PDB file of N, CA and C in Angstrom:
ATOM      1  N   MET A   1     -40.007  61.225 -31.604  1.00  0.00           N
ATOM      2  CA  MET A   1     -41.125  60.416 -30.579  1.00  0.00           C
ATOM      3  C   MET A   1     -42.559  61.300 -30.825  1.00  0.00           C
ATOM      4  N   PHE A   2     -43.369  60.535 -30.506  1.00  0.00           N
ATOM      5  CA  PHE A   2     -44.425  60.851 -30.846  1.00  0.00           C
ATOM      6  C   PHE A   2     -44.926  61.849 -29.708  1.00  0.00           C
ATOM      7  N   ARG A   3     -45.926  62.661 -30.235  1.00  0.00           N
ATOM      8  CA  ARG A   3     -46.498  64.062 -29.240  1.00  0.00           C
ATOM      9  C   ARG A   3     -48.118  63.809 -28.861  1.00  0.00           C
ATOM     10  N   LYS A   4     -48.680  62.699 -29.509  1.00  0.00           N
ATOM     11  CA  LYS A   4     -49.826  62.880 -29.293  1.00  0.00           C
ATOM     12  C   LYS A   4     -49.877  61.467 -29.137  1.00  0.00           C
ATOM     13  N   CYS A   5     -51.234  60.965 -27.763  1.00  0.00           N
ATOM     14  CA  CYS A   5     -51.517  59.562 -27.411  1.00  0.00           C
ATOM     15  C   CYS A   5     -53.117  59.583 -27.423  1.00  0.00           C
ATOM     16  N   LEU A   6     -53.505  58.244 -28.050  1.00  0.00           N
ATOM     17  CA  LEU A   6     -54.818  58.713 -27.497  1.00  0.00           C
ATOM     18  C   LEU A   6     -55.265  57.323 -26.693  1.00  0.00           C
ATOM     19  N   PHE A   7     -55.855  57.115 -25.852  1.00  0.00           N
ATOM     20  CA  PHE A   7     -56.276  55.973 -24.951  1.00  0.00           C
ATOM     21  C   PHE A   7     -57.762  55.729 -25.583  1.00  0.00           C
ATOM     22  N   VAL A   8     -58.446  54.558 -25.666  1.00  0.00           N
ATOM     23  CA  VAL A   8     -59.265  53.950 -26.233  1.00  0.00           C
ATOM     24  C   VAL A   8     -59.724  52.929 -24.876  1.00  0.00           C
ATOM     25  N   ILE A   9     -60.685  53.763 -23.891  1.00  0.00           N
ATOM     26  CA  ILE A   9     -61.331  53.224 -22.772  1.00  0.00           C
ATOM     27  C   ILE A   9     -62.550  52.646 -22.764  1.00  0.00           C
ATOM     28  N   ASN A  10     -62.583  51.505 -22.187  1.00  0.00           N
ATOM     29  CA  ASN A  10     -63.914  50.950 -21.881  1.00  0.00           C
ATOM     30  C   ASN A  10     -64.779  51.591 -20.588  1.00  0.00           C
ATOM     31  N   GLY A  11     -65.597  52.817 -20.902  1.00  0.00           N
ATOM     32  CA  GLY A  11     -66.470  53.329 -19.897  1.00  0.00           C
ATOM     33  C   GLY A  11     -67.156  52.856 -18.825  1.00  0.00           C
ATOM     34  N   LEU A  12     -67.869  50.944 -19.488  1.00  0.00           N
ATOM     35  CA  LEU A  12     -68.394  50.586 -18.467  1.00  0.00           C
ATOM     36  C   LEU A  12     -67.931  50.004 -16.743  1.00  0.00           C
ATOM     37  N   GLY A  13     -68.434  50.874 -16.023  1.00  0.00           N
ATOM     38  CA  GLY A  13     -67.720  50.673 -15.102  1.00  0.00           C
ATOM     39  C   GLY A  13     -66.529  51.956 -14.301  1.00  0.00           C
ATOM     40  N   LEU A  14     -65.551  51.811 -13.655  1.00  0.00           N
ATOM     41  CA  LEU A  14     -64.974  52.741 -13.532  1.00  0.00           C
ATOM     42  C   LEU A  14     -63.446  51.912 -13.538  1.00  0.00           C
ATOM     43  N   GLY A  15     -63.557  50.615 -13.345  1.00  0.00           N
ATOM     44  CA  GLY A  15     -61.618  49.975 -13.301  1.00  0.00           C
ATOM     45  C   GLY A  15     -61.188  50.253 -14.392  1.00  0.00           C
ATOM     46  N   ASN A  16     -61.478  50.546 -15.549  1.00  0.00           N
ATOM     47  CA  ASN A  16     -60.749  50.483 -16.832  1.00  0.00           C
ATOM     48  C   ASN A  16     -60.253  52.166 -16.837  1.00  0.00           C
ATOM     49  N   SER A  17     -61.275  52.768 -16.814  1.00  0.00           N
ATOM     50  CA  SER A  17     -60.767  54.675 -16.261  1.00  0.00           C
ATOM     51  C   SER A  17     -59.660  54.819 -15.268  1.00  0.00           C
ATOM     52  N   THR A  18     -59.734  54.071 -14.379  1.00  0.00           N
ATOM     53  CA  THR A  18     -59.138  54.342 -13.135  1.00  0.00           C
ATOM     54  C   THR A  18     -57.476  53.812 -13.336  1.00  0.00           C
ATOM     55  N   ARG A  19     -57.576  52.707 -13.944  1.00  0.00           N
ATOM     56  CA  ARG A  19     -56.064  51.870 -14.437  1.00  0.00           C
ATOM     57  C   ARG A  19     -55.686  53.058 -15.818  1.00  0.00           C
ATOM     58  N   CYS A  20     -56.347  52.856 -16.622  1.00  0.00           N
ATOM     59  CA  CYS A  20     -55.454  53.961 -17.158  1.00  0.00           C
ATOM     60  C   CYS A  20     -55.172  55.324 -16.760  1.00  0.00           C
ATOM     61  N   TYR A  21     -56.019  55.922 -16.098  1.00  0.00           N
ATOM     62  CA  TYR A  21     -55.732  57.287 -15.644  1.00  0.00           C
ATOM     63  C   TYR A  21     -54.158  56.907 -14.716  1.00  0.00           C
ATOM     64  N   ALA A  22     -54.127  55.963 -13.684  1.00  0.00           N
ATOM     65  CA  ALA A  22     -52.677  56.138 -12.949  1.00  0.00           C
ATOM     66  C   ALA A  22     -51.537  55.947 -14.125  1.00  0.00           C
ATOM     67  N   ILE A  23     -52.352  55.406 -15.379  1.00  0.00           N
ATOM     68  CA  ILE A  23     -50.806  55.512 -16.185  1.00  0.00           C
ATOM     69  C   ILE A  23     -50.963  56.953 -16.913  1.00  0.00           C
ATOM     70  N   ILE A  24     -52.131  57.269 -17.458  1.00  0.00           N
ATOM     71  CA  ILE A  24     -52.038  59.062 -17.589  1.00  0.00           C
ATOM     72  C   ILE A  24     -51.150  59.702 -16.805  1.00  0.00           C
ATOM     73  N   GLU A  25     -51.524  59.743 -15.636  1.00  0.00           N
ATOM     74  CA  GLU A  25     -50.489  60.543 -14.759  1.00  0.00           C
ATOM     75  C   GLU A  25     -49.320  60.640 -14.752  1.00  0.00           C
ATOM     76  N   GLN A  26     -48.813  59.340 -14.783  1.00  0.00           N
ATOM     77  CA  GLN A  26     -47.125  59.024 -14.928  1.00  0.00           C
ATOM     78  C   GLN A  26     -46.872  59.251 -16.357  1.00  0.00           C
ATOM     79  N   LEU A  27     -47.362  59.108 -17.388  1.00  0.00           N
ATOM     80  CA  LEU A  27     -47.223  59.714 -18.621  1.00  0.00           C
ATOM     81  C   LEU A  27     -46.653  60.821 -18.652  1.00  0.00           C
ATOM     82  N   ARG A  28     -47.877  61.737 -17.896  1.00  0.00           N
ATOM     83  CA  ARG A  28     -47.526  63.489 -17.810  1.00  0.00           C
ATOM     84  C   ARG A  28     -46.449  63.766 -16.690  1.00  0.00           C
ATOM     85  N   LEU A  29     -45.796  62.888 -16.033  1.00  0.00           N
ATOM     86  CA  LEU A  29     -44.949  63.371 -15.496  1.00  0.00           C
ATOM     87  C   LEU A  29     -43.818  63.310 -15.987  1.00  0.00           C
ATOM     88  N   ARG A  30     -43.592  62.295 -16.694  1.00  0.00           N
ATOM     89  CA  ARG A  30     -42.665  61.944 -17.536  1.00  0.00           C
ATOM     90  C   ARG A  30     -42.447  62.642 -18.974  1.00  0.00           C
ATOM     91  N   ARG A  31     -43.085  63.020 -19.292  1.00  0.00           N
ATOM     92  CA  ARG A  31     -43.717  63.678 -20.793  1.00  0.00           C
ATOM     93  C   ARG A  31     -44.986  64.835 -20.494  1.00  0.00           C
ATOM     94  N   PRO A  32     -44.582  65.554 -20.151  1.00  0.00           N
ATOM     95  CA  PRO A  32     -45.274  66.969 -19.786  1.00  0.00           C
ATOM     96  C   PRO A  32     -45.629  67.807 -21.005  1.00  0.00           C
ATOM     97  N   ASP A  33     -45.278  67.257 -22.205  1.00  0.00           N
ATOM     98  CA  ASP A  33     -45.215  67.646 -23.494  1.00  0.00           C
ATOM     99  C   ASP A  33     -46.084  67.033 -24.533  1.00  0.00           C
ATOM    100  N   LEU A  34     -46.732  65.783 -24.069  1.00  0.00           N
ATOM    101  CA  LEU A  34     -47.521  64.822 -24.134  1.00  0.00           C
ATOM    102  C   LEU A  34     -48.733  65.140 -24.406  1.00  0.00           C
ATOM    103  N   GLU A  35     -49.500  65.188 -25.667  1.00  0.00           N
ATOM    104  CA  GLU A  35     -50.719  65.366 -25.596  1.00  0.00           C
ATOM    105  C   GLU A  35     -51.735  64.395 -25.616  1.00  0.00           C
ATOM    106  N   ILE A  36     -52.641  64.247 -24.213  1.00  0.00           N
ATOM    107  CA  ILE A  36     -53.149  62.857 -23.906  1.00  0.00           C
ATOM    108  C   ILE A  36     -54.423  63.305 -24.420  1.00  0.00           C
ATOM    109  N   HIS A  37     -55.216  62.095 -25.470  1.00  0.00           N
ATOM    110  CA  HIS A  37     -56.900  62.179 -25.733  1.00  0.00           C
ATOM    111  C   HIS A  37     -56.947  60.915 -25.382  1.00  0.00           C
ATOM    112  N   VAL A  38     -58.792  61.022 -24.815  1.00  0.00           N
ATOM    113  CA  VAL A  38     -59.335  60.483 -24.505  1.00  0.00           C
ATOM    114  C   VAL A  38     -60.601  59.993 -25.377  1.00  0.00           C
ATOM    115  N   LEU A  39     -60.951  58.440 -25.425  1.00  0.00           N
ATOM    116  CA  LEU A  39     -62.034  58.041 -26.277  1.00  0.00           C
ATOM    117  C   LEU A  39     -62.881  57.135 -25.902  1.00  0.00           C
ATOM    118  N   THR A  40     -63.923  57.168 -24.972  1.00  0.00           N
ATOM    119  CA  THR A  40     -64.574  56.335 -23.952  1.00  0.00           C
ATOM    120  C   THR A  40     -66.190  56.550 -24.222  1.00  0.00           C
ATOM    121  N   SER A  41     -67.212  55.814 -22.744  1.00  0.00           N
ATOM    122  CA  SER A  41     -67.995  55.951 -23.230  1.00  0.00           C
ATOM    123  C   SER A  41     -68.651  55.668 -21.719  1.00  0.00           C
ATOM    124  N   GLY A  42     -69.721  56.101 -21.283  1.00  0.00           N
ATOM    125  CA  GLY A  42     -70.498  55.425 -19.948  1.00  0.00           C
ATOM    126  C   GLY A  42     -69.886  56.525 -19.048  1.00  0.00           C
ATOM    127  N   ASN A  43     -69.359  55.568 -18.333  1.00  0.00           N
ATOM    128  CA  ASN A  43     -69.020  56.355 -16.627  1.00  0.00           C
ATOM    129  C   ASN A  43     -67.623  56.734 -17.113  1.00  0.00           C
ATOM    130  N   GLY A  44     -66.561  56.960 -17.822  1.00  0.00           N
ATOM    131  CA  GLY A  44     -65.732  57.275 -18.297  1.00  0.00           C
ATOM    132  C   GLY A  44     -66.098  58.585 -18.705  1.00  0.00           C
ATOM    133  N   LEU A  45     -66.759  58.952 -19.539  1.00  0.00           N
ATOM    134  CA  LEU A  45     -66.995  60.395 -19.965  1.00  0.00           C
ATOM    135  C   LEU A  45     -67.103  61.235 -18.748  1.00  0.00           C
ATOM    136  N   GLU A  46     -67.467  60.929 -17.794  1.00  0.00           N
ATOM    137  CA  GLU A  46     -67.834  61.822 -16.613  1.00  0.00           C
ATOM    138  C   GLU A  46     -66.182  62.140 -15.760  1.00  0.00           C
ATOM    139  N   PHE A  47     -65.755  60.517 -15.395  1.00  0.00           N
ATOM    140  CA  PHE A  47     -64.813  60.432 -14.666  1.00  0.00           C
ATOM    141  C   PHE A  47     -63.506  61.374 -15.639  1.00  0.00           C
ATOM    142  N   PHE A  48     -63.245  61.185 -16.455  1.00  0.00           N
ATOM    143  CA  PHE A  48     -62.214  61.947 -17.420  1.00  0.00           C
ATOM    144  C   PHE A  48     -62.445  63.729 -17.524  1.00  0.00           C
ATOM    145  N   ALA A  49     -63.536  64.243 -17.420  1.00  0.00           N
ATOM    146  CA  ALA A  49     -64.442  65.449 -18.114  1.00  0.00           C
ATOM    147  C   ALA A  49     -63.104  66.480 -17.589  1.00  0.00           C
ATOM    148  N   ASN A  50     -62.894  66.187 -16.026  1.00  0.00           N
ATOM    149  CA  ASN A  50     -61.959  67.524 -15.819  1.00  0.00           C
ATOM    150  C   ASN A  50     -60.632  67.119 -15.182  1.00  0.00           C
ATOM    151  N   LYS A  51     -59.927  65.721 -15.846  1.00  0.00           N
ATOM    152  CA  LYS A  51     -58.866  66.002 -15.802  1.00  0.00           C
ATOM    153  C   LYS A  51     -57.639  66.645 -16.204  1.00  0.00           C
ATOM    154  N   ALA A  52     -57.109  67.489 -15.728  1.00  0.00           N
ATOM    155  CA  ALA A  52     -55.762  68.006 -15.918  1.00  0.00           C
ATOM    156  C   ALA A  52     -54.922  67.646 -17.398  1.00  0.00           C
ATOM    157  N   GLU A  53     -54.856  66.375 -17.084  1.00  0.00           N
ATOM    158  CA  GLU A  53     -53.840  66.115 -17.694  1.00  0.00           C
ATOM    159  C   GLU A  53     -54.167  65.345 -19.093  1.00  0.00           C
ATOM    160  N   VAL A  54     -55.256  65.604 -19.323  1.00  0.00           N
ATOM    161  CA  VAL A  54     -56.519  65.034 -20.409  1.00  0.00           C
ATOM    162  C   VAL A  54     -56.831  65.994 -21.454  1.00  0.00           C
ATOM    163  N   ALA A  55     -56.147  66.157 -22.719  1.00  0.00           N
ATOM    164  CA  ALA A  55     -56.729  67.374 -23.519  1.00  0.00           C
ATOM    165  C   ALA A  55     -57.984  67.486 -24.267  1.00  0.00           C
ATOM    166  N   SER A  56     -58.214  65.983 -24.442  1.00  0.00           N
ATOM    167  CA  SER A  56     -59.812  66.076 -24.769  1.00  0.00           C
ATOM    168  C   SER A  56     -60.377  64.748 -24.563  1.00  0.00           C
ATOM    169  N   VAL A  57     -61.556  64.979 -24.791  1.00  0.00           N
ATOM    170  CA  VAL A  57     -62.559  63.428 -24.074  1.00  0.00           C
ATOM    171  C   VAL A  57     -63.485  63.213 -25.111  1.00  0.00           C
ATOM    172  N   THR A  58     -63.395  62.623 -25.688  1.00  0.00           N
ATOM    173  CA  THR A  58     -64.516  62.094 -26.935  1.00  0.00           C
ATOM    174  C   THR A  58     -65.485  60.975 -26.645  1.00  0.00           C
ATOM    175  N   GLU A  59     -66.413  60.752 -27.138  1.00  0.00           N
ATOM    176  CA  GLU A  59     -67.685  60.035 -27.007  1.00  0.00           C
ATOM    177  C   GLU A  59     -67.437  58.660 -27.813  1.00  0.00           C
ATOM    178  N   ILE A  60     -67.369  57.627 -27.472  1.00  0.00           N
ATOM    179  CA  ILE A  60     -67.796  56.473 -28.665  1.00  0.00           C
ATOM    180  C   ILE A  60     -68.540  55.669 -28.040  1.00  0.00           C
ATOM    181  N   GLU A  61     -69.547  55.055 -29.153  1.00  0.00           N
ATOM    182  CA  GLU A  61     -70.540  54.281 -28.504  1.00  0.00           C
ATOM    183  C   GLU A  61     -70.286  53.159 -27.715  1.00  0.00           C
ATOM    184  N   ASN A  62     -71.172  52.701 -26.973  1.00  0.00           N
ATOM    185  CA  ASN A  62     -70.680  51.476 -26.251  1.00  0.00           C
ATOM    186  C   ASN A  62     -71.260  50.184 -26.576  1.00  0.00           C
ATOM    187  N   PHE A  63     -70.594  49.336 -25.990  1.00  0.00           N
ATOM    188  CA  PHE A  63     -71.464  48.008 -26.075  1.00  0.00           C
ATOM    189  C   PHE A  63     -72.387  47.566 -25.073  1.00  0.00           C
ATOM    190  N   PHE A  64     -72.874  46.782 -24.815  1.00  0.00           N
ATOM    191  CA  PHE A  64     -73.741  46.558 -23.654  1.00  0.00           C
ATOM    192  C   PHE A  64     -73.951  44.703 -23.404  1.00  0.00           C
ATOM    193  N   TYR A  65     -74.256  44.640 -22.103  1.00  0.00           N
ATOM    194  CA  TYR A  65     -74.557  42.708 -22.281  1.00  0.00           C
ATOM    195  C   TYR A  65     -76.223  42.833 -21.648  1.00  0.00           C
ATOM    196  N   SER A  66     -76.386  42.128 -22.244  1.00  0.00           N
ATOM    197  CA  SER A  66     -78.302  41.829 -22.145  1.00  0.00           C
ATOM    198  C   SER A  66     -78.633  40.977 -20.864  1.00  0.00           C
ATOM    199  N   GLU A  67     -79.199  41.500 -20.159  1.00  0.00           N
ATOM    200  CA  GLU A  67     -79.596  41.056 -18.752  1.00  0.00           C
ATOM    201  C   GLU A  67     -80.770  40.545 -18.645  1.00  0.00           C
ATOM    202  N   LYS A  68     -80.944  39.974 -17.753  1.00  0.00           N
ATOM    203  CA  LYS A  68     -82.232  38.811 -17.499  1.00  0.00           C
ATOM    204  C   LYS A  68     -82.331  38.638 -15.760  1.00  0.00           C
ATOM    205  N   ASP A  69     -83.319  39.453 -14.787  1.00  0.00           N
ATOM    206  CA  ASP A  69     -83.453  38.920 -13.343  1.00  0.00           C
ATOM    207  C   ASP A  69     -81.751  40.179 -13.128  1.00  0.00           C
ATOM    208  N   HIS A  70     -81.241  40.905 -13.633  1.00  0.00           N
ATOM    209  CA  HIS A  70     -80.274  41.877 -13.009  1.00  0.00           C
ATOM    210  C   HIS A  70     -78.781  40.834 -13.101  1.00  0.00           C
ATOM    211  N   GLN A  71     -79.122  40.235 -13.752  1.00  0.00           N
ATOM    212  CA  GLN A  71     -77.875  39.193 -14.105  1.00  0.00           C
ATOM    213  C   GLN A  71     -77.258  39.114 -15.699  1.00  0.00           C
ATOM    214  N   ILE A  72     -75.970  39.109 -16.151  1.00  0.00           N
ATOM    215  CA  ILE A  72     -75.608  39.442 -17.449  1.00  0.00           C
ATOM    216  C   ILE A  72     -76.280  37.731 -18.270  1.00  0.00           C
ATOM    217  N   SER A  73     -77.027  38.130 -19.438  1.00  0.00           N
ATOM    218  CA  SER A  73     -77.560  36.785 -20.044  1.00  0.00           C
ATOM    219  C   SER A  73     -76.657  36.702 -21.126  1.00  0.00           C
ATOM    220  N   ALA A  74     -76.237  35.771 -21.645  1.00  0.00           N
ATOM    221  CA  ALA A  74     -75.632  35.530 -22.745  1.00  0.00           C
ATOM    222  C   ALA A  74     -76.621  35.081 -23.628  1.00  0.00           C
ATOM    223  N   TRP A  75     -77.624  34.298 -23.489  1.00  0.00           N
ATOM    224  CA  TRP A  75     -78.618  34.210 -24.629  1.00  0.00           C
ATOM    225  C   TRP A  75     -79.208  35.443 -24.897  1.00  0.00           C
ATOM    226  N   ARG A  76     -79.749  36.295 -23.904  1.00  0.00           N
ATOM    227  CA  ARG A  76     -80.200  37.650 -24.446  1.00  0.00           C
ATOM    228  C   ARG A  76     -79.133  38.619 -25.659  1.00  0.00           C
ATOM    229  N   THR A  77     -77.801  38.266 -24.636  1.00  0.00           N
ATOM    230  CA  THR A  77     -76.940  39.161 -25.611  1.00  0.00           C
ATOM    231  C   THR A  77     -76.771  38.523 -26.931  1.00  0.00           C
ATOM    232  N   PHE A  78     -76.594  36.905 -26.851  1.00  0.00           N
ATOM    233  CA  PHE A  78     -76.719  36.463 -28.426  1.00  0.00           C
ATOM    234  C   PHE A  78     -77.884  37.213 -29.554  1.00  0.00           C
ATOM    235  N   LEU A  79     -78.964  36.808 -28.852  1.00  0.00           N
ATOM    236  CA  LEU A  79     -80.306  37.352 -29.574  1.00  0.00           C
ATOM    237  C   LEU A  79     -80.036  38.972 -29.853  1.00  0.00           C
ATOM    238  N   ALA A  80     -79.309  39.962 -29.497  1.00  0.00           N
ATOM    239  CA  ALA A  80     -78.913  41.292 -29.523  1.00  0.00           C
ATOM    240  C   ALA A  80     -77.920  41.827 -30.691  1.00  0.00           C
ATOM    241  N   LEU A  81     -77.147  40.505 -30.903  1.00  0.00           N
ATOM    242  CA  LEU A  81     -76.363  40.747 -32.117  1.00  0.00           C
ATOM    243  C   LEU A  81     -76.487  41.938 -33.106  1.00  0.00           C
ATOM    244  N   GLY A  82     -77.772  41.858 -33.804  1.00  0.00           N
ATOM    245  CA  GLY A  82     -77.939  42.334 -34.638  1.00  0.00           C
ATOM    246  C   GLY A  82     -77.539  43.744 -34.437  1.00  0.00           C
ATOM    247  N   HIS A  83     -78.559  44.288 -33.393  1.00  0.00           N
ATOM    248  CA  HIS A  83     -78.239  46.053 -32.599  1.00  0.00           C
ATOM    249  C   HIS A  83     -76.761  45.844 -32.489  1.00  0.00           C
ATOM    250  N   LEU A  84     -76.038  44.946 -31.924  1.00  0.00           N
ATOM    251  CA  LEU A  84     -74.270  45.068 -31.492  1.00  0.00           C
ATOM    252  C   LEU A  84     -73.530  45.188 -32.687  1.00  0.00           C
ATOM    253  N   ALA A  85     -74.075  44.680 -33.828  1.00  0.00           N
ATOM    254  CA  ALA A  85     -73.313  44.860 -35.536  1.00  0.00           C
ATOM    255  C   ALA A  85     -73.377  46.550 -35.913  1.00  0.00           C
ATOM    256  N   LYS A  86     -74.568  46.878 -35.402  1.00  0.00           N
ATOM    257  CA  LYS A  86     -74.689  48.710 -36.028  1.00  0.00           C
ATOM    258  C   LYS A  86     -74.122  48.948 -35.173  1.00  0.00           C
ATOM    259  N   LYS A  87     -73.878  48.600 -33.549  1.00  0.00           N
ATOM    260  CA  LYS A  87     -73.083  49.888 -32.791  1.00  0.00           C
ATOM    261  C   LYS A  87     -71.714  49.583 -33.084  1.00  0.00           C
ATOM    262  N   ALA A  88     -71.301  48.292 -33.548  1.00  0.00           N
ATOM    263  CA  ALA A  88     -69.857  48.167 -34.148  1.00  0.00           C
ATOM    264  C   ALA A  88     -69.493  48.885 -35.315  1.00  0.00           C
ATOM    265  N   MET A  89     -70.400  48.764 -35.948  1.00  0.00           N
ATOM    266  CA  MET A  89     -69.955  49.879 -37.234  1.00  0.00           C
ATOM    267  C   MET A  89     -69.968  51.365 -36.991  1.00  0.00           C
ATOM    268  N   ILE A  90     -71.258  52.032 -35.948  1.00  0.00           N
ATOM    269  CA  ILE A  90     -70.778  53.219 -35.503  1.00  0.00           C
ATOM    270  C   ILE A  90     -69.304  53.310 -34.219  1.00  0.00           C
ATOM    271  N   LYS A  91     -69.099  52.695 -33.967  1.00  0.00           N
ATOM    272  CA  LYS A  91     -68.043  52.438 -32.826  1.00  0.00           C
ATOM    273  C   LYS A  91     -66.700  52.736 -34.048  1.00  0.00           C
ATOM    274  N   GLN A  92     -66.617  51.931 -35.224  1.00  0.00           N
ATOM    275  CA  GLN A  92     -65.680  51.749 -35.828  1.00  0.00           C
ATOM    276  C   GLN A  92     -65.253  52.996 -36.826  1.00  0.00           C
ATOM    277  N   ARG A  93     -66.298  53.762 -36.982  1.00  0.00           N
ATOM    278  CA  ARG A  93     -66.312  55.013 -37.636  1.00  0.00           C
ATOM    279  C   ARG A  93     -66.368  55.891 -36.705  1.00  0.00           C
ATOM    280  N   GLN A  94     -66.570  56.054 -35.461  1.00  0.00           N
ATOM    281  CA  GLN A  94     -66.254  57.161 -34.170  1.00  0.00           C
ATOM    282  C   GLN A  94     -64.437  56.811 -34.400  1.00  0.00           C
ATOM    283  N   PHE A  95     -64.048  55.748 -34.327  1.00  0.00           N
ATOM    284  CA  PHE A  95     -62.582  55.259 -33.633  1.00  0.00           C
ATOM    285  C   PHE A  95     -61.710  56.030 -34.927  1.00  0.00           C
ATOM    286  N   ASP A  96     -62.453  55.489 -36.153  1.00  0.00           N
ATOM    287  CA  ASP A  96     -61.372  56.409 -37.341  1.00  0.00           C
ATOM    288  C   ASP A  96     -61.757  57.992 -37.487  1.00  0.00           C
ATOM    289  N   GLU A  97     -62.637  58.290 -37.218  1.00  0.00           N
ATOM    290  CA  GLU A  97     -62.683  60.118 -36.792  1.00  0.00           C
ATOM    291  C   GLU A  97     -61.908  60.416 -36.110  1.00  0.00           C
ATOM    292  N   ALA A  98     -61.604  59.511 -35.108  1.00  0.00           N
ATOM    293  CA  ALA A  98     -60.579  60.332 -33.753  1.00  0.00           C
ATOM    294  C   ALA A  98     -59.257  60.402 -34.579  1.00  0.00           C
ATOM    295  N   LEU A  99     -59.058  59.277 -35.109  1.00  0.00           N
ATOM    296  CA  LEU A  99     -57.628  58.749 -35.730  1.00  0.00           C
ATOM    297  C   LEU A  99     -57.308  59.828 -36.627  1.00  0.00           C
ATOM    298  N   SER A 100     -58.777  60.219 -37.222  1.00  0.00           N
ATOM    299  CA  SER A 100     -57.925  61.408 -38.852  1.00  0.00           C
ATOM    300  C   SER A 100     -57.953  61.905 -37.886  1.00  0.00           C
ATOM    301  N   ARG A 101     -58.561  62.826 -37.231  1.00  0.00           N
ATOM    302  CA  ARG A 101     -58.633  64.483 -36.309  1.00  0.00           C
ATOM    303  C   ARG A 101     -57.722  64.175 -35.620  1.00  0.00           C
ATOM    304  N   LEU A 102     -57.265  63.526 -34.710  1.00  0.00           N
ATOM    305  CA  LEU A 102     -55.953  63.476 -33.626  1.00  0.00           C
ATOM    306  C   LEU A 102     -54.676  63.208 -34.231  1.00  0.00           C
ATOM    307  N   LYS A 103     -54.578  62.392 -35.211  1.00  0.00           N
ATOM    308  CA  LYS A 103     -53.417  61.967 -35.851  1.00  0.00           C
ATOM    309  C   LYS A 103     -52.178  61.549 -34.740  1.00  0.00           C
ATOM    310  N   PRO A 104     -52.392  60.647 -33.808  1.00  0.00           N
ATOM    311  CA  PRO A 104     -52.068  60.250 -32.725  1.00  0.00           C
ATOM    312  C   PRO A 104     -50.542  59.268 -32.985  1.00  0.00           C
ATOM    313  N   GLY A 105     -49.665  59.310 -32.046  1.00  0.00           N
ATOM    314  CA  GLY A 105     -48.443  58.782 -32.671  1.00  0.00           C
ATOM    315  C   GLY A 105     -48.586  57.497 -32.185  1.00  0.00           C
ATOM    316  N   VAL A 106     -49.203  57.119 -30.935  1.00  0.00           N
ATOM    317  CA  VAL A 106     -49.693  56.005 -30.253  1.00  0.00           C
ATOM    318  C   VAL A 106     -51.322  55.608 -30.088  1.00  0.00           C
ATOM    319  N   VAL A 107     -51.852  54.582 -29.579  1.00  0.00           N
ATOM    320  CA  VAL A 107     -52.911  54.386 -29.370  1.00  0.00           C
ATOM    321  C   VAL A 107     -52.985  53.412 -28.300  1.00  0.00           C
ATOM    322  N   ILE A 108     -53.245  53.755 -27.084  1.00  0.00           N
ATOM    323  CA  ILE A 108     -53.647  52.454 -25.940  1.00  0.00           C
ATOM    324  C   ILE A 108     -54.874  52.223 -25.454  1.00  0.00           C
ATOM    325  N   VAL A 109     -55.031  51.004 -26.018  1.00  0.00           N
ATOM    326  CA  VAL A 109     -56.732  50.617 -25.864  1.00  0.00           C
ATOM    327  C   VAL A 109     -57.028  49.638 -24.692  1.00  0.00           C
ATOM    328  N   ASP A 110     -58.124  49.941 -23.802  1.00  0.00           N
ATOM    329  CA  ASP A 110     -58.170  48.482 -22.746  1.00  0.00           C
ATOM    330  C   ASP A 110     -59.356  48.237 -22.394  1.00  0.00           C
ATOM    331  N   SER A 111     -59.519  47.277 -23.073  1.00  0.00           N
ATOM    332  CA  SER A 111     -60.944  46.370 -22.979  1.00  0.00           C
ATOM    333  C   SER A 111     -62.330  47.327 -23.702  1.00  0.00           C
ATOM    334  N   GLU A 112     -61.415  47.932 -25.146  1.00  0.00           N
ATOM    335  CA  GLU A 112     -62.309  48.352 -25.814  1.00  0.00           C
ATOM    336  C   GLU A 112     -62.714  47.976 -27.174  1.00  0.00           C
ATOM    337  N   TYR A 113     -63.864  47.336 -27.440  1.00  0.00           N
ATOM    338  CA  TYR A 113     -64.051  46.371 -28.521  1.00  0.00           C
ATOM    339  C   TYR A 113     -64.409  46.957 -29.794  1.00  0.00           C
ATOM    340  N   THR A 114     -63.385  48.057 -30.519  1.00  0.00           N
ATOM    341  CA  THR A 114     -63.756  48.582 -31.708  1.00  0.00           C
ATOM    342  C   THR A 114     -62.739  48.297 -32.891  1.00  0.00           C
TER     343      THR A 114
END
């Protein structure tokens, strides 16, 4: 049975973080020996910072949606694809480094596009 797990969570907003935290709490109850790590961004960093169930929180680059007049703009997001491609390479490197360092037996991904 695996001893470490890694949650990769989209930190934009708190919905993904709170859903995953509910799962983390249940995992901890059922497997007190399980070492749980979180790879996240944005609001997720602060949310998971002091959670006793989490062994480590590591920052990952976050994607964004471009806006116009406080609304998501598909066109502006499309125009930012070059910048997003660079972020994707950084995210992939950060993810690979976390896998290499932590060596988790399982990875749970919630809306994180790495």
